[in-house]
Amino acid sequence: MENKKIVVFGCDNTGKTTLCNYIKDRFEKTHDVKKEYSDKIYIAKSIGPNKTVDEYIDFMKDELLNEDNVIFDRFPVIEEYTCGNVLRHKNIFEGELVVPFFKMVNVFVFCYPGLFNTLNWGEREQMDGVKENAVDLINSYNLMAYTLKSLGYNVIEYNYKVDTMYDVYKKIFD
């Protein structure tokens, strides 16, 4: 069976990194049970903001064409369509053919624990503009999840207040 390419996305403070770590750890503990996939899995972390289109494309190609299972903790195309449009009023992928990147992903996991939980920052630092534009960012991520789902992509919604990480894991690998 083909190895999984998993994209975890959502606004800051929605449990993305915690979920990515759980999926990786759970897979490493149980991969011997199922021989359907390679026993290797890793998290592809964001290469950060302010990169060129070519740098983001090379990153996505390298990770998506890798033979291992890959969990993306953020995905450049999604980040540009959401954060880029909201925070900079510009999406650097505009006009670029990005559909092939979406088609290479097996499952998208949209993290959204509701408005109240997302906006409960506590003492967490955020990138400039995130707190001030949080509602617009949340709406943009919600629209992205809806659009992916309506286009027929496999989208799992994860709300850490309702769903267990194990339930998400099972939806991905069962």
Foldseek 3Di string as FASTA:
>chain_A
DAAAEEEEDAAPQQCLVVLQVVLQVVLLVCVVVDVPAPSDEDEDEDPDPDDAPVVLVVSLCVQLVDRHHYYYSHHLQLCLQQVVCQVVVHRNCVVPPCVVSLVSHQEYEYGDQDDVSSLPQPPDDDDPPCNVRVVSSRVSSVVVQVVCVVVPHHYHYDHPVPDDSVVVSVVRPD
